[in-house]
All heavy atoms as atom14 arrays in JSON, in Angstrom:
{
  "sequence": "QWLKSCQILNRGNRADGAIALNPDRGRVTPYFANFAAMAMLEDPSA",
  "atom14_mask": [
    [1, 1, 1, 1, 1, 1, 1, 1, 1, 0, 0, 0, 0, 0],
    [1, 1, 1, 1, 1, 1, 1, 1, 1, 1, 1, 1, 1, 1],
    [1, 1, 1, 1, 1, 1, 1, 1, 0, 0, 0, 0, 0, 0],
    [1, 1, 1, 1, 1, 1, 1, 1, 1, 0, 0, 0, 0, 0],
    [1, 1, 1, 1, 1, 1, 0, 0, 0, 0, 0, 0, 0, 0],
    [1, 1, 1, 1, 1, 1, 0, 0, 0, 0, 0, 0, 0, 0],
    [1, 1, 1, 1, 1, 1, 1, 1, 1, 0, 0, 0, 0, 0],
    [1, 1, 1, 1, 1, 1, 1, 1, 0, 0, 0, 0, 0, 0],
    [1, 1, 1, 1, 1, 1, 1, 1, 0, 0, 0, 0, 0, 0],
    [1, 1, 1, 1, 1, 1, 1, 1, 0, 0, 0, 0, 0, 0],
    [1, 1, 1, 1, 1, 1, 1, 1, 1, 1, 1, 0, 0, 0],
    [1, 1, 1, 1, 0, 0, 0, 0, 0, 0, 0, 0, 0, 0],
    [1, 1, 1, 1, 1, 1, 1, 1, 0, 0, 0, 0, 0, 0],
    [1, 1, 1, 1, 1, 1, 1, 1, 1, 1, 1, 0, 0, 0],
    [1, 1, 1, 1, 1, 0, 0, 0, 0, 0, 0, 0, 0, 0],
    [1, 1, 1, 1, 1, 1, 1, 1, 0, 0, 0, 0, 0, 0],
    [1, 1, 1, 1, 0, 0, 0, 0, 0, 0, 0, 0, 0, 0],
    [1, 1, 1, 1, 1, 0, 0, 0, 0, 0, 0, 0, 0, 0],
    [1, 1, 1, 1, 1, 1, 1, 1, 0, 0, 0, 0, 0, 0],
    [1, 1, 1, 1, 1, 0, 0, 0, 0, 0, 0, 0, 0, 0],
    [1, 1, 1, 1, 1, 1, 1, 1, 0, 0, 0, 0, 0, 0],
    [1, 1, 1, 1, 1, 1, 1, 1, 0, 0, 0, 0, 0, 0],
    [1, 1, 1, 1, 1, 1, 1, 0, 0, 0, 0, 0, 0, 0],
    [1, 1, 1, 1, 1, 1, 1, 1, 0, 0, 0, 0, 0, 0],
    [1, 1, 1, 1, 1, 1, 1, 1, 1, 1, 1, 0, 0, 0],
    [1, 1, 1, 1, 0, 0, 0, 0, 0, 0, 0, 0, 0, 0],
    [1, 1, 1, 1, 1, 1, 1, 1, 1, 1, 1, 0, 0, 0],
    [1, 1, 1, 1, 1, 1, 1, 0, 0, 0, 0, 0, 0, 0],
    [1, 1, 1, 1, 1, 1, 1, 0, 0, 0, 0, 0, 0, 0],
    [1, 1, 1, 1, 1, 1, 1, 0, 0, 0, 0, 0, 0, 0],
    [1, 1, 1, 1, 1, 1, 1, 1, 1, 1, 1, 1, 0, 0],
    [1, 1, 1, 1, 1, 1, 1, 1, 1, 1, 1, 0, 0, 0],
    [1, 1, 1, 1, 1, 0, 0, 0, 0, 0, 0, 0, 0, 0],
    [1, 1, 1, 1, 1, 1, 1, 1, 0, 0, 0, 0, 0, 0],
    [1, 1, 1, 1, 1, 1, 1, 1, 1, 1, 1, 0, 0, 0],
    [1, 1, 1, 1, 1, 0, 0, 0, 0, 0, 0, 0, 0, 0],
    [1, 1, 1, 1, 1, 0, 0, 0, 0, 0, 0, 0, 0, 0],
    [1, 1, 1, 1, 1, 1, 1, 1, 0, 0, 0, 0, 0, 0],
    [1, 1, 1, 1, 1, 0, 0, 0, 0, 0, 0, 0, 0, 0],
    [1, 1, 1, 1, 1, 1, 1, 1, 0, 0, 0, 0, 0, 0],
    [1, 1, 1, 1, 1, 1, 1, 1, 0, 0, 0, 0, 0, 0],
    [1, 1, 1, 1, 1, 1, 1, 1, 1, 0, 0, 0, 0, 0],
    [1, 1, 1, 1, 1, 1, 1, 1, 0, 0, 0, 0, 0, 0],
    [1, 1, 1, 1, 1, 1, 1, 0, 0, 0, 0, 0, 0, 0],
    [1, 1, 1, 1, 1, 1, 0, 0, 0, 0, 0, 0, 0, 0],
    [1, 1, 1, 1, 1, 0, 0, 0, 0, 0, 0, 0, 0, 0]
  ],
  "atom14_positions": [
    [[112.73, 123.69, 49.97], [111.85, 122.76, 50.66], [112.66, 121.93, 51.69], [112.17, 121.62, 52.76], [111.12, 121.83, 49.66], [110.03, 122.51, 48.89], [108.95, 123.07, 49.81], [108.69, 124.29, 49.79], [108.37, 122.23, 50.62], [0.0, 0.0, 0.0], [0.0, 0.0, 0.0], [0.0, 0.0, 0.0], [0.0, 0.0, 0.0], [0.0, 0.0, 0.0]],
    [[113.86, 121.56, 51.31], [114.73, 120.79, 52.2], [115.04, 121.63, 53.44], [115.09, 121.17, 54.58], [115.98, 120.38, 51.45], [116.85, 119.47, 52.25], [116.74, 118.1, 52.35], [117.98, 119.81, 53.04], [117.73, 117.58, 53.18], [118.52, 118.59, 53.62], [118.59, 121.02, 53.38], [119.64, 118.62, 54.48], [119.73, 121.03, 54.21], [120.22, 119.82, 54.69]],
    [[115.36, 122.96, 53.22], [115.67, 123.83, 54.34], [114.45, 123.99, 55.25], [114.6, 124.04, 56.46], [116.09, 125.2, 53.78], [117.52, 125.28, 53.22], [117.73, 126.63, 52.5], [118.56, 125.05, 54.31], [0.0, 0.0, 0.0], [0.0, 0.0, 0.0], [0.0, 0.0, 0.0], [0.0, 0.0, 0.0], [0.0, 0.0, 0.0], [0.0, 0.0, 0.0]],
    [[113.26, 124.08, 54.66], [112.07, 124.13, 55.52], [111.94, 122.9, 56.42], [111.54, 123.0, 57.54], [110.8, 124.23, 54.63], [110.61, 125.54, 53.92], [109.37, 125.52, 53.09], [109.13, 126.76, 52.31], [107.91, 126.67, 51.46], [0.0, 0.0, 0.0], [0.0, 0.0, 0.0], [0.0, 0.0, 0.0], [0.0, 0.0, 0.0], [0.0, 0.0, 0.0]],
    [[112.35, 121.77, 55.89], [112.3, 120.52, 56.67], [113.32, 120.47, 57.75], [113.29, 119.63, 58.64], [112.47, 119.27, 55.74], [113.78, 119.11, 55.33], [0.0, 0.0, 0.0], [0.0, 0.0, 0.0], [0.0, 0.0, 0.0], [0.0, 0.0, 0.0], [0.0, 0.0, 0.0], [0.0, 0.0, 0.0], [0.0, 0.0, 0.0], [0.0, 0.0, 0.0]],
    [[114.29, 121.4, 57.68], [115.31, 121.46, 58.77], [114.77, 122.22, 59.99], [115.39, 122.18, 61.08], [116.56, 122.2, 58.33], [117.54, 121.28, 57.07], [0.0, 0.0, 0.0], [0.0, 0.0, 0.0], [0.0, 0.0, 0.0], [0.0, 0.0, 0.0], [0.0, 0.0, 0.0], [0.0, 0.0, 0.0], [0.0, 0.0, 0.0], [0.0, 0.0, 0.0]],
    [[113.66, 122.9, 59.84], [113.1, 123.69, 60.97], [112.41, 122.74, 61.94], [111.5, 122.01, 61.58], [112.15, 124.75, 60.46], [111.88, 125.82, 61.47], [111.39, 127.11, 60.88], [110.57, 127.08, 59.97], [111.86, 128.25, 61.37], [0.0, 0.0, 0.0], [0.0, 0.0, 0.0], [0.0, 0.0, 0.0], [0.0, 0.0, 0.0], [0.0, 0.0, 0.0]],
    [[112.87, 122.79, 63.16], [112.34, 121.86, 64.21], [110.92, 122.18, 64.55], [110.52, 123.35, 64.73], [113.3, 121.95, 65.43], [114.69, 121.38, 65.09], [112.69, 121.19, 66.6], [115.71, 121.6, 66.17], [0.0, 0.0, 0.0], [0.0, 0.0, 0.0], [0.0, 0.0, 0.0], [0.0, 0.0, 0.0], [0.0, 0.0, 0.0], [0.0, 0.0, 0.0]],
    [[110.11, 121.1, 64.65], [108.7, 121.25, 65.03], [108.49, 121.03, 66.48], [109.15, 120.2, 67.15], [107.82, 120.21, 64.25], [107.9, 120.31, 62.71], [107.07, 119.17, 62.15], [107.45, 121.63, 62.22], [0.0, 0.0, 0.0], [0.0, 0.0, 0.0], [0.0, 0.0, 0.0], [0.0, 0.0, 0.0], [0.0, 0.0, 0.0], [0.0, 0.0, 0.0]],
    [[107.56, 121.85, 67.1], [107.28, 121.63, 68.51], [106.26, 120.5, 68.67], [105.9, 119.86, 67.71], [106.86, 122.91, 69.17], [105.54, 123.42, 68.61], [104.73, 122.7, 68.05], [105.29, 124.72, 68.79], [0.0, 0.0, 0.0], [0.0, 0.0, 0.0], [0.0, 0.0, 0.0], [0.0, 0.0, 0.0], [0.0, 0.0, 0.0], [0.0, 0.0, 0.0]],
    [[105.9, 120.22, 69.87], [104.98, 119.12, 70.11], [103.57, 119.31, 69.45], [102.86, 118.39, 69.28], [104.81, 118.89, 71.61], [106.13, 118.34, 72.19], [105.97, 118.05, 73.69], [107.18, 117.46, 74.23], [108.23, 118.19, 74.68], [108.21, 119.53, 74.6], [109.29, 117.6, 75.16], [0.0, 0.0, 0.0], [0.0, 0.0, 0.0], [0.0, 0.0, 0.0]],
    [[103.28, 120.56, 69.14], [102.02, 120.81, 68.42], [102.19, 120.74, 66.91], [101.31, 121.13, 66.18], [0.0, 0.0, 0.0], [0.0, 0.0, 0.0], [0.0, 0.0, 0.0], [0.0, 0.0, 0.0], [0.0, 0.0, 0.0], [0.0, 0.0, 0.0], [0.0, 0.0, 0.0], [0.0, 0.0, 0.0], [0.0, 0.0, 0.0], [0.0, 0.0, 0.0]],
    [[103.35, 120.24, 66.5], [103.63, 120.09, 65.09], [103.73, 121.43, 64.34], [103.45, 121.53, 63.16], [102.7, 119.16, 64.39], [103.36, 118.37, 63.27], [104.52, 118.09, 63.36], [102.63, 118.11, 62.18], [0.0, 0.0, 0.0], [0.0, 0.0, 0.0], [0.0, 0.0, 0.0], [0.0, 0.0, 0.0], [0.0, 0.0, 0.0], [0.0, 0.0, 0.0]],
    [[104.04, 122.46, 65.12], [104.24, 123.81, 64.57], [105.71, 124.12, 64.65], [106.43, 123.72, 65.56], [103.43, 124.81, 65.37], [103.48, 126.25, 64.83], [102.55, 127.12, 65.67], [102.51, 128.5, 65.23], [103.36, 129.43, 65.63], [104.29, 129.16, 66.45], [103.25, 130.69, 65.14], [0.0, 0.0, 0.0], [0.0, 0.0, 0.0], [0.0, 0.0, 0.0]],
    [[106.22, 124.92, 63.74], [107.64, 125.26, 63.7], [108.05, 125.95, 65.0], [107.49, 127.01, 65.35], [108.01, 126.12, 62.52], [0.0, 0.0, 0.0], [0.0, 0.0, 0.0], [0.0, 0.0, 0.0], [0.0, 0.0, 0.0], [0.0, 0.0, 0.0], [0.0, 0.0, 0.0], [0.0, 0.0, 0.0], [0.0, 0.0, 0.0], [0.0, 0.0, 0.0]],
    [[109.01, 125.35, 65.73], [109.57, 125.97, 66.93], [110.37, 127.17, 66.55], [110.45, 128.15, 67.3], [110.46, 124.93, 67.63], [111.34, 125.56, 68.67], [110.82, 125.91, 69.79], [112.57, 125.67, 68.45], [0.0, 0.0, 0.0], [0.0, 0.0, 0.0], [0.0, 0.0, 0.0], [0.0, 0.0, 0.0], [0.0, 0.0, 0.0], [0.0, 0.0, 0.0]],
    [[110.89, 127.21, 65.35], [111.75, 128.32, 64.87], [113.11, 127.93, 64.58], [113.77, 128.41, 63.63], [0.0, 0.0, 0.0], [0.0, 0.0, 0.0], [0.0, 0.0, 0.0], [0.0, 0.0, 0.0], [0.0, 0.0, 0.0], [0.0, 0.0, 0.0], [0.0, 0.0, 0.0], [0.0, 0.0, 0.0], [0.0, 0.0, 0.0], [0.0, 0.0, 0.0]],
    [[113.69, 127.05, 65.43], [115.09, 126.65, 65.27], [115.28, 125.94, 63.93], [114.46, 125.19, 63.48], [115.54, 125.72, 66.4], [0.0, 0.0, 0.0], [0.0, 0.0, 0.0], [0.0, 0.0, 0.0], [0.0, 0.0, 0.0], [0.0, 0.0, 0.0], [0.0, 0.0, 0.0], [0.0, 0.0, 0.0], [0.0, 0.0, 0.0], [0.0, 0.0, 0.0]],
    [[116.38, 126.24, 63.3], [116.73, 125.55, 61.99], [117.99, 124.69, 62.25], [119.05, 125.2, 62.58], [117.02, 126.58, 60.88], [115.8, 127.44, 60.65], [117.4, 125.86, 59.61], [116.02, 128.58, 59.64], [0.0, 0.0, 0.0], [0.0, 0.0, 0.0], [0.0, 0.0, 0.0], [0.0, 0.0, 0.0], [0.0, 0.0, 0.0], [0.0, 0.0, 0.0]],
    [[117.76, 123.39, 62.2], [118.85, 122.44, 62.51], [119.81, 122.28, 61.32], [119.5, 122.72, 60.21], [118.25, 121.1, 62.89], [0.0, 0.0, 0.0], [0.0, 0.0, 0.0], [0.0, 0.0, 0.0], [0.0, 0.0, 0.0], [0.0, 0.0, 0.0], [0.0, 0.0, 0.0], [0.0, 0.0, 0.0], [0.0, 0.0, 0.0], [0.0, 0.0, 0.0]],
    [[120.93, 121.64, 61.55], [121.9, 121.42, 60.45], [121.26, 120.63, 59.37], [121.57, 120.89, 58.17], [123.16, 120.7, 61.03], [124.02, 121.53, 61.97], [125.28, 120.71, 62.32], [124.44, 122.84, 61.32], [0.0, 0.0, 0.0], [0.0, 0.0, 0.0], [0.0, 0.0, 0.0], [0.0, 0.0, 0.0], [0.0, 0.0, 0.0], [0.0, 0.0, 0.0]],
    [[120.45, 119.66, 59.71], [119.75, 118.89, 58.63], [118.48, 118.29, 59.32], [118.28, 118.37, 60.51], [120.61, 117.84, 58.02], [121.1, 116.77, 59.02], [120.33, 116.27, 59.85], [122.41, 116.44, 58.91], [0.0, 0.0, 0.0], [0.0, 0.0, 0.0], [0.0, 0.0, 0.0], [0.0, 0.0, 0.0], [0.0, 0.0, 0.0], [0.0, 0.0, 0.0]],
    [[117.55, 117.75, 58.5], [116.28, 117.31, 59.08], [116.38, 116.2, 60.1], [115.43, 115.98, 60.84], [115.5, 116.86, 57.85], [116.15, 117.55, 56.7], [117.59, 117.65, 57.05], [0.0, 0.0, 0.0], [0.0, 0.0, 0.0], [0.0, 0.0, 0.0], [0.0, 0.0, 0.0], [0.0, 0.0, 0.0], [0.0, 0.0, 0.0], [0.0, 0.0, 0.0]],
    [[117.47, 115.43, 60.1], [117.61, 114.26, 60.95], [118.34, 114.51, 62.25], [118.54, 113.57, 63.0], [118.25, 113.14, 60.16], [117.53, 112.81, 58.9], [116.26, 112.8, 58.96], [118.17, 112.55, 57.88], [0.0, 0.0, 0.0], [0.0, 0.0, 0.0], [0.0, 0.0, 0.0], [0.0, 0.0, 0.0], [0.0, 0.0, 0.0], [0.0, 0.0, 0.0]],
    [[118.76, 115.76, 62.42], [119.6, 116.01, 63.62], [119.01, 117.21, 64.37], [118.48, 118.11, 63.77], [121.05, 116.27, 63.22], [121.75, 115.06, 62.61], [123.05, 115.47, 61.95], [124.02, 115.92, 62.87], [125.23, 116.37, 62.49], [125.55, 116.46, 61.23], [126.1, 116.79, 63.43], [0.0, 0.0, 0.0], [0.0, 0.0, 0.0], [0.0, 0.0, 0.0]],
    [[119.23, 117.21, 65.68], [118.74, 118.32, 66.5], [119.76, 119.39, 66.86], [119.55, 120.2, 67.71], [0.0, 0.0, 0.0], [0.0, 0.0, 0.0], [0.0, 0.0, 0.0], [0.0, 0.0, 0.0], [0.0, 0.0, 0.0], [0.0, 0.0, 0.0], [0.0, 0.0, 0.0], [0.0, 0.0, 0.0], [0.0, 0.0, 0.0], [0.0, 0.0, 0.0]],
    [[120.9, 119.34, 66.15], [121.95, 120.3, 66.4], [121.67, 121.62, 65.64], [121.46, 121.62, 64.43], [123.29, 119.75, 65.97], [124.43, 120.67, 66.23], [125.76, 120.13, 65.75], [126.79, 121.13, 65.74], [127.99, 120.97, 65.11], [128.22, 119.84, 64.46], [128.91, 121.91, 65.13], [0.0, 0.0, 0.0], [0.0, 0.0, 0.0], [0.0, 0.0, 0.0]],
    [[121.61, 122.71, 66.41], [121.36, 124.01, 65.84], [122.57, 124.93, 66.05], [122.93, 125.23, 67.18], [120.11, 124.65, 66.45], [119.83, 126.04, 65.81], [118.89, 123.75, 66.27], [0.0, 0.0, 0.0], [0.0, 0.0, 0.0], [0.0, 0.0, 0.0], [0.0, 0.0, 0.0], [0.0, 0.0, 0.0], [0.0, 0.0, 0.0], [0.0, 0.0, 0.0]],
    [[123.16, 125.32, 64.94], [124.26, 126.29, 64.99], [123.74, 127.61, 64.41], [123.58, 127.66, 63.18], [125.48, 125.79, 64.21], [125.91, 124.52, 64.7], [126.67, 126.77, 64.29], [0.0, 0.0, 0.0], [0.0, 0.0, 0.0], [0.0, 0.0, 0.0], [0.0, 0.0, 0.0], [0.0, 0.0, 0.0], [0.0, 0.0, 0.0], [0.0, 0.0, 0.0]],
    [[123.43, 128.57, 65.24], [122.79, 129.79, 64.75], [123.53, 130.45, 63.57], [122.89, 130.99, 62.69], [122.77, 130.68, 65.98], [122.72, 129.76, 67.13], [123.57, 128.6, 66.7], [0.0, 0.0, 0.0], [0.0, 0.0, 0.0], [0.0, 0.0, 0.0], [0.0, 0.0, 0.0], [0.0, 0.0, 0.0], [0.0, 0.0, 0.0], [0.0, 0.0, 0.0]],
    [[124.87, 130.39, 63.54], [125.61, 130.99, 62.45], [125.18, 130.34, 61.15], [124.87, 131.03, 60.13], [127.1, 130.73, 62.68], [128.02, 131.1, 61.54], [128.27, 132.44, 61.23], [128.57, 130.12, 60.75], [129.15, 132.76, 60.19], [129.42, 130.46, 59.7], [129.69, 131.75, 59.4], [130.5, 132.08, 58.35], [0.0, 0.0, 0.0], [0.0, 0.0, 0.0]],
    [[125.12, 129.01, 61.07], [124.67, 128.33, 59.84], [123.16, 128.57, 59.63], [122.74, 128.7, 58.45], [124.97, 126.85, 59.95], [126.44, 126.49, 60.06], [126.83, 125.52, 60.89], [127.36, 127.14, 59.26], [128.2, 125.17, 61.01], [128.69, 126.81, 59.35], [129.16, 125.85, 60.22], [0.0, 0.0, 0.0], [0.0, 0.0, 0.0], [0.0, 0.0, 0.0]],
    [[122.38, 128.55, 60.66], [120.96, 128.78, 60.51], [120.66, 130.15, 59.9], [119.63, 130.32, 59.23], [120.28, 128.57, 61.86], [0.0, 0.0, 0.0], [0.0, 0.0, 0.0], [0.0, 0.0, 0.0], [0.0, 0.0, 0.0], [0.0, 0.0, 0.0], [0.0, 0.0, 0.0], [0.0, 0.0, 0.0], [0.0, 0.0, 0.0], [0.0, 0.0, 0.0]],
    [[121.46, 131.13, 60.26], [121.25, 132.47, 59.68], [121.27, 132.46, 58.2], [120.46, 133.09, 57.53], [122.31, 133.43, 60.23], [122.14, 133.76, 61.71], [121.07, 133.58, 62.31], [123.21, 134.21, 62.35], [0.0, 0.0, 0.0], [0.0, 0.0, 0.0], [0.0, 0.0, 0.0], [0.0, 0.0, 0.0], [0.0, 0.0, 0.0], [0.0, 0.0, 0.0]],
    [[122.24, 131.71, 57.62], [122.31, 131.63, 56.15], [121.12, 130.83, 55.6], [120.58, 131.16, 54.57], [123.61, 130.91, 55.76], [124.87, 131.76, 56.08], [125.85, 131.23, 56.88], [124.98, 133.05, 55.55], [126.97, 131.97, 57.21], [126.15, 133.78, 55.87], [127.13, 133.25, 56.69], [0.0, 0.0, 0.0], [0.0, 0.0, 0.0], [0.0, 0.0, 0.0]],
    [[120.7, 129.8, 56.34], [119.6, 129.02, 55.85], [118.33, 129.87, 55.78], [117.57, 129.82, 54.81], [119.33, 127.84, 56.82], [0.0, 0.0, 0.0], [0.0, 0.0, 0.0], [0.0, 0.0, 0.0], [0.0, 0.0, 0.0], [0.0, 0.0, 0.0], [0.0, 0.0, 0.0], [0.0, 0.0, 0.0], [0.0, 0.0, 0.0], [0.0, 0.0, 0.0]],
    [[118.13, 130.72, 56.76], [116.96, 131.62, 56.78], [117.05, 132.66, 55.67], [116.07, 133.02, 55.05], [116.83, 132.32, 58.13], [0.0, 0.0, 0.0], [0.0, 0.0, 0.0], [0.0, 0.0, 0.0], [0.0, 0.0, 0.0], [0.0, 0.0, 0.0], [0.0, 0.0, 0.0], [0.0, 0.0, 0.0], [0.0, 0.0, 0.0], [0.0, 0.0, 0.0]],
    [[118.26, 133.13, 55.37], [118.42, 134.07, 54.24], [117.96, 133.42, 52.94], [117.31, 134.04, 52.13], [119.88, 134.47, 54.08], [120.41, 135.38, 55.19], [122.19, 135.8, 54.81], [122.73, 136.33, 56.42], [0.0, 0.0, 0.0], [0.0, 0.0, 0.0], [0.0, 0.0, 0.0], [0.0, 0.0, 0.0], [0.0, 0.0, 0.0], [0.0, 0.0, 0.0]],
    [[118.36, 132.14, 52.77], [117.96, 131.47, 51.55], [116.48, 131.19, 51.47], [115.83, 131.28, 50.42], [118.76, 130.11, 51.45], [0.0, 0.0, 0.0], [0.0, 0.0, 0.0], [0.0, 0.0, 0.0], [0.0, 0.0, 0.0], [0.0, 0.0, 0.0], [0.0, 0.0, 0.0], [0.0, 0.0, 0.0], [0.0, 0.0, 0.0], [0.0, 0.0, 0.0]],
    [[115.86, 130.88, 52.62], [114.44, 130.6, 52.65], [113.61, 131.85, 52.22], [112.49, 131.75, 51.71], [114.05, 130.15, 54.03], [114.52, 128.76, 54.34], [114.41, 128.31, 56.14], [112.63, 128.34, 56.43], [0.0, 0.0, 0.0], [0.0, 0.0, 0.0], [0.0, 0.0, 0.0], [0.0, 0.0, 0.0], [0.0, 0.0, 0.0], [0.0, 0.0, 0.0]],
    [[114.2, 133.05, 52.41], [113.5, 134.26, 52.0], [113.34, 134.37, 50.48], [112.62, 135.24, 50.02], [114.25, 135.51, 52.54], [114.14, 135.75, 54.03], [115.13, 136.85, 54.46], [112.71, 136.13, 54.39], [0.0, 0.0, 0.0], [0.0, 0.0, 0.0], [0.0, 0.0, 0.0], [0.0, 0.0, 0.0], [0.0, 0.0, 0.0], [0.0, 0.0, 0.0]],
    [[113.97, 133.52, 49.73], [113.78, 133.49, 48.26], [112.38, 132.94, 47.94], [111.97, 133.05, 46.77], [114.87, 132.69, 47.54], [116.26, 133.23, 47.68], [116.37, 134.66, 47.04], [115.8, 134.86, 45.95], [117.02, 135.52, 47.67], [0.0, 0.0, 0.0], [0.0, 0.0, 0.0], [0.0, 0.0, 0.0], [0.0, 0.0, 0.0], [0.0, 0.0, 0.0]],
    [[111.69, 132.38, 48.9], [110.38, 131.81, 48.71], [109.4, 132.56, 49.59], [109.47, 132.38, 50.82], [110.4, 130.34, 49.04], [109.01, 129.65, 48.9], [108.07, 130.34, 48.4], [108.88, 128.53, 49.34], [0.0, 0.0, 0.0], [0.0, 0.0, 0.0], [0.0, 0.0, 0.0], [0.0, 0.0, 0.0], [0.0, 0.0, 0.0], [0.0, 0.0, 0.0]],
    [[108.53, 133.39, 49.04], [107.59, 134.12, 49.9], [106.75, 133.29, 50.81], [106.33, 133.72, 51.92], [106.66, 134.85, 48.85], [107.54, 134.99, 47.66], [108.38, 133.74, 47.61], [0.0, 0.0, 0.0], [0.0, 0.0, 0.0], [0.0, 0.0, 0.0], [0.0, 0.0, 0.0], [0.0, 0.0, 0.0], [0.0, 0.0, 0.0], [0.0, 0.0, 0.0]],
    [[106.5, 131.98, 50.44], [105.73, 131.13, 51.33], [106.49, 130.78, 52.61], [105.89, 130.24, 53.58], [105.34, 129.83, 50.63], [106.48, 128.99, 50.41], [0.0, 0.0, 0.0], [0.0, 0.0, 0.0], [0.0, 0.0, 0.0], [0.0, 0.0, 0.0], [0.0, 0.0, 0.0], [0.0, 0.0, 0.0], [0.0, 0.0, 0.0], [0.0, 0.0, 0.0]],
    [[107.77, 131.1, 52.65], [108.62, 130.77, 53.81], [108.78, 132.0, 54.74], [109.48, 131.9, 55.76], [109.96, 130.27, 53.4], [0.0, 0.0, 0.0], [0.0, 0.0, 0.0], [0.0, 0.0, 0.0], [0.0, 0.0, 0.0], [0.0, 0.0, 0.0], [0.0, 0.0, 0.0], [0.0, 0.0, 0.0], [0.0, 0.0, 0.0], [0.0, 0.0, 0.0]]
  ]
}
């Protein structure tokens, strides 16, 4: 759930897709985000 909250929302409040380092920062490092997305796959709702 915390990782889901790292996904940046666009102005329509829909996930833009980018996964930030944490929910409070807009820095996106794709290398780290790749691992975050791997982990999110443990939850079918993600």
